[in-house]
C-alpha atoms as a PDB file:
ATOM      1  CA  MET A   1      19.777 -28.732 -20.003  1.00  0.00           C
ATOM      2  CA  ARG A   2      23.105 -29.447 -18.932  1.00  0.00           C
ATOM      3  CA  ARG A   3      22.359 -30.736 -15.534  1.00  0.00           C
ATOM      4  CA  ALA A   4      19.656 -33.370 -17.235  1.00  0.00           C
ATOM      5  CA  HIS A   5      22.601 -34.513 -19.529  1.00  0.00           C
ATOM      6  CA  ALA A   6      24.962 -35.042 -16.446  1.00  0.00           C
ATOM      7  CA  VAL A   7      22.456 -36.826 -14.383  1.00  0.00           C
ATOM      8  CA  THR A   8      21.674 -39.140 -17.433  1.00  0.00           C
ATOM      9  CA  ALA A   9      25.339 -39.837 -17.945  1.00  0.00           C
ATOM     10  CA  ALA A  10      25.728 -40.546 -14.370  1.00  0.00           C
ATOM     11  CA  VAL A  11      23.140 -42.992 -14.324  1.00  0.00           C
ATOM     12  CA  LEU A  12      24.318 -44.686 -17.361  1.00  0.00           C
ATOM     13  CA  LEU A  13      27.851 -44.882 -15.954  1.00  0.00           C
ATOM     14  CA  SER A  14      26.735 -46.313 -12.603  1.00  0.00           C
ATOM     15  CA  ALA A  15      24.782 -48.909 -14.546  1.00  0.00           C
ATOM     16  CA  GLY A  16      27.883 -49.824 -16.720  1.00  0.00           C
ATOM     17  CA  LEU A  17      25.896 -49.177 -19.638  1.00  0.00           C
ATOM     18  CA  LEU A  18      28.381 -46.499 -21.323  1.00  0.00           C
ATOM     19  CA  GLY A  19      31.330 -49.183 -21.580  1.00  0.00           C
ATOM     20  CA  GLY A  20      33.653 -49.879 -18.888  1.00  0.00           C
ATOM     21  CA  PRO A  21      33.040 -51.334 -15.394  1.00  0.00           C
ATOM     22  CA  ALA A  22      30.202 -49.798 -13.258  1.00  0.00           C
ATOM     23  CA  VAL A  23      31.291 -46.954 -11.064  1.00  0.00           C
ATOM     24  CA  ALA A  24      29.531 -45.390  -8.175  1.00  0.00           C
ATOM     25  CA  ALA A  25      27.282 -42.446  -9.381  1.00  0.00           C
ATOM     26  CA  PRO A  26      28.443 -39.152  -8.674  1.00  0.00           C
ATOM     27  CA  GLN A  27      26.235 -37.406  -5.737  1.00  0.00           C
ATOM     28  CA  VAL A  28      23.851 -35.003  -7.013  1.00  0.00           C
ATOM     29  CA  ILE A  29      23.624 -32.022  -4.349  1.00  0.00           C
ATOM     30  CA  PRO A  30      20.337 -30.325  -4.520  1.00  0.00           C
ATOM     31  CA  GLU A  31      20.220 -26.764  -5.323  1.00  0.00           C
ATOM     32  CA  ARG A  32      19.718 -24.346  -2.633  1.00  0.00           C
ATOM     33  CA  THR A  33      16.007 -22.977  -2.456  1.00  0.00           C
ATOM     34  CA  GLU A  34      16.304 -21.091   0.772  1.00  0.00           C
ATOM     35  CA  ARG A  35      15.631 -17.440   0.123  1.00  0.00           C
ATOM     36  CA  VAL A  36      18.201 -15.051   1.390  1.00  0.00           C
ATOM     37  CA  VAL A  37      17.014 -11.571   2.082  1.00  0.00           C
ATOM     38  CA  ALA A  38      19.291  -8.817   2.416  1.00  0.00           C
ATOM     39  CA  GLN A  39      19.446  -6.852   5.488  1.00  0.00           C
ATOM     40  CA  GLY A  40      19.140  -3.166   5.212  1.00  0.00           C
ATOM     41  CA  PRO A  41      20.054  -0.289   7.725  1.00  0.00           C
ATOM     42  CA  ASP A  42      18.109  -0.498  10.986  1.00  0.00           C
ATOM     43  CA  ASP A  43      14.736   1.247  10.772  1.00  0.00           C
ATOM     44  CA  ILE A  44      14.953   4.568  12.566  1.00  0.00           C
ATOM     45  CA  CYS A  45      11.457   3.874  14.209  1.00  0.00           C
ATOM     46  CA  ASP A  46      10.914   0.573  15.906  1.00  0.00           C
ATOM     47  CA  TYR A  47       7.363   0.265  17.098  1.00  0.00           C
ATOM     48  CA  THR A  48       6.320  -2.475  14.562  1.00  0.00           C
ATOM     49  CA  ASN A  49       7.072  -3.525  10.856  1.00  0.00           C
ATOM     50  CA  ARG A  50       3.376  -3.951  10.231  1.00  0.00           C
ATOM     51  CA  ARG A  51       1.925  -1.496   7.408  1.00  0.00           C
ATOM     52  CA  PRO A  52      -1.890  -1.489   7.533  1.00  0.00           C
ATOM     53  CA  ASN A  53      -4.170   1.190   6.239  1.00  0.00           C
ATOM     54  CA  LEU A  54      -4.600   3.945   8.912  1.00  0.00           C
ATOM     55  CA  GLN A  55      -6.887   6.835   9.364  1.00  0.00           C
ATOM     56  CA  GLN A  56      -8.235   9.086  11.819  1.00  0.00           C
ATOM     57  CA  GLY A  57      -9.248   6.889  14.944  1.00  0.00           C
ATOM     58  CA  SER A  58      -6.717   4.143  14.384  1.00  0.00           C
ATOM     59  CA  SER A  59      -4.679   3.529  17.340  1.00  0.00           C
ATOM     60  CA  GLY A  60      -1.713   1.543  18.425  1.00  0.00           C
ATOM     61  CA  ALA A  61       1.823   0.556  17.688  1.00  0.00           C
ATOM     62  CA  VAL A  62       1.176   0.919  13.895  1.00  0.00           C
ATOM     63  CA  VAL A  63       0.267   4.543  14.750  1.00  0.00           C
ATOM     64  CA  GLN A  64       3.316   5.183  16.948  1.00  0.00           C
ATOM     65  CA  GLN A  65       5.401   3.921  13.951  1.00  0.00           C
ATOM     66  CA  ALA A  66       3.520   6.464  11.583  1.00  0.00           C
ATOM     67  CA  GLN A  67       3.940   9.201  14.205  1.00  0.00           C
ATOM     68  CA  CYS A  68       7.643   8.510  14.595  1.00  0.00           C
ATOM     69  CA  TYR A  69       8.151   8.391  10.872  1.00  0.00           C
ATOM     70  CA  LEU A  70       6.257  11.808  10.352  1.00  0.00           C
ATOM     71  CA  ASN A  71       8.516  13.311  13.227  1.00  0.00           C
ATOM     72  CA  GLU A  72      11.611  12.153  11.383  1.00  0.00           C
ATOM     73  CA  ALA A  73      10.619  12.794   7.928  1.00  0.00           C
ATOM     74  CA  VAL A  74       9.140  16.399   8.202  1.00  0.00           C
ATOM     75  CA  GLY A  75       9.769  17.147  11.862  1.00  0.00           C
ATOM     76  CA  ALA A  76       5.899  17.056  12.773  1.00  0.00           C
ATOM     77  CA  GLU A  77       6.692  17.160  16.502  1.00  0.00           C
ATOM     78  CA  LEU A  78       3.911  14.698  17.141  1.00  0.00           C
ATOM     79  CA  ASP A  79       3.330  12.922  20.715  1.00  0.00           C
ATOM     80  CA  VAL A  80       4.158   9.358  19.747  1.00  0.00           C
ATOM     81  CA  ASP A  81       1.066   8.224  21.575  1.00  0.00           C
ATOM     82  CA  GLY A  82      -0.277   5.490  19.132  1.00  0.00           C
ATOM     83  CA  ASP A  83      -3.700   7.711  18.701  1.00  0.00           C
ATOM     84  CA  PHE A  84      -4.233   8.699  15.071  1.00  0.00           C
ATOM     85  CA  GLY A  85      -6.107  11.900  16.057  1.00  0.00           C
ATOM     86  CA  ARG A  86      -6.774  15.650  14.390  1.00  0.00           C
ATOM     87  CA  LEU A  87      -2.895  16.567  14.774  1.00  0.00           C
ATOM     88  CA  THR A  88      -1.616  13.381  13.240  1.00  0.00           C
ATOM     89  CA  ARG A  89      -3.869  13.474  10.375  1.00  0.00           C
ATOM     90  CA  SER A  90      -2.922  17.175   9.862  1.00  0.00           C
ATOM     91  CA  ALA A  91       0.648  15.994   9.864  1.00  0.00           C
ATOM     92  CA  VAL A  92       0.106  13.101   7.353  1.00  0.00           C
ATOM     93  CA  THR A  93      -1.902  15.878   5.067  1.00  0.00           C
ATOM     94  CA  ALA A  94       1.271  18.044   5.147  1.00  0.00           C
ATOM     95  CA  PHE A  95       3.527  15.472   4.553  1.00  0.00           C
ATOM     96  CA  GLN A  96       1.599  14.112   1.285  1.00  0.00           C
ATOM     97  CA  GLN A  97       1.570  17.673  -0.060  1.00  0.00           C
ATOM     98  CA  CYS A  98       5.342  18.090   0.630  1.00  0.00           C
ATOM     99  CA  ALA A  99       5.735  14.263  -1.033  1.00  0.00           C
ATOM    100  CA  GLU A 100       3.585  15.296  -3.860  1.00  0.00           C
ATOM    101  CA  ILE A 101       1.373  12.052  -3.349  1.00  0.00           C
ATOM    102  CA  VAL A 102      -2.370  11.649  -3.035  1.00  0.00           C
ATOM    103  CA  VAL A 103      -3.344  13.835  -0.221  1.00  0.00           C
ATOM    104  CA  ASP A 104      -6.146  12.018   1.647  1.00  0.00           C
ATOM    105  CA  GLY A 105      -4.955  12.425   5.402  1.00  0.00           C
ATOM    106  CA  ARG A 106      -4.730   8.454   5.340  1.00  0.00           C
ATOM    107  CA  ILE A 107      -1.916   6.345   5.624  1.00  0.00           C
ATOM    108  CA  GLY A 108      -2.053   3.527   2.953  1.00  0.00           C
ATOM    109  CA  ALA A 109       0.850   1.614   0.733  1.00  0.00           C
ATOM    110  CA  GLN A 110       2.019   4.709  -0.919  1.00  0.00           C
ATOM    111  CA  THR A 111       2.389   7.028   2.115  1.00  0.00           C
ATOM    112  CA  TRP A 112       4.028   4.403   4.249  1.00  0.00           C
ATOM    113  CA  SER A 113       6.403   3.635   1.445  1.00  0.00           C
ATOM    114  CA  PHE A 114       7.183   7.416   1.356  1.00  0.00           C
ATOM    115  CA  LEU A 115       7.230   7.856   5.128  1.00  0.00           C
ATOM    116  CA  SER A 116       9.643   5.098   5.516  1.00  0.00           C
ATOM    117  CA  PHE A 117      12.142   6.135   2.767  1.00  0.00           C
ATOM    118  CA  TRP A 118      11.991   9.952   4.309  1.00  0.00           C
ATOM    119  CA  ALA A 119      12.164   8.788   7.741  1.00  0.00           C
ATOM    120  CA  ASN A 120      15.367   6.685   7.231  1.00  0.00           C
ATOM    121  CA  ASP A 121      17.139   8.955   5.083  1.00  0.00           C
ATOM    122  CA  PRO A 122      20.163  10.735   6.593  1.00  0.00           C
ATOM    123  CA  GLY A 123      19.284  14.123   5.124  1.00  0.00           C
ATOM    124  CA  ARG A 124      15.676  14.441   6.959  1.00  0.00           C
ATOM    125  CA  PRO A 125      13.729  16.398   7.824  1.00  0.00           C
ATOM    126  CA  PHE A 126      12.660  17.399   4.272  1.00  0.00           C
ATOM    127  CA  CYS A 127       9.617  19.897   4.389  1.00  0.00           C
END
């Protein structure tokens, strides 16, 4: 509300409507609307920042990211090969049990969140 009054007063002053001679209106500087994102510590695993749902049969850099997280979070000792096979599924299931989250052998939003947090914690591995 104060901003609206200041702008109105500036307009009236510049037009000479508030008494006295007309003066130049003060410049209104637009508020900064750019979103500033806080930077956190570097991620322990750096294959990708994507977090899609994964399951046995998935492959690629996102699986490498998950395998790296599993190795860091719980000492899974997986080959970081980008292949979500039987061993990766077993490590995911063990991690989910340890974290006391839904145990389904798949990596969805909840598992990604816990994996990322645990893998990047200085006190790792946990289980």
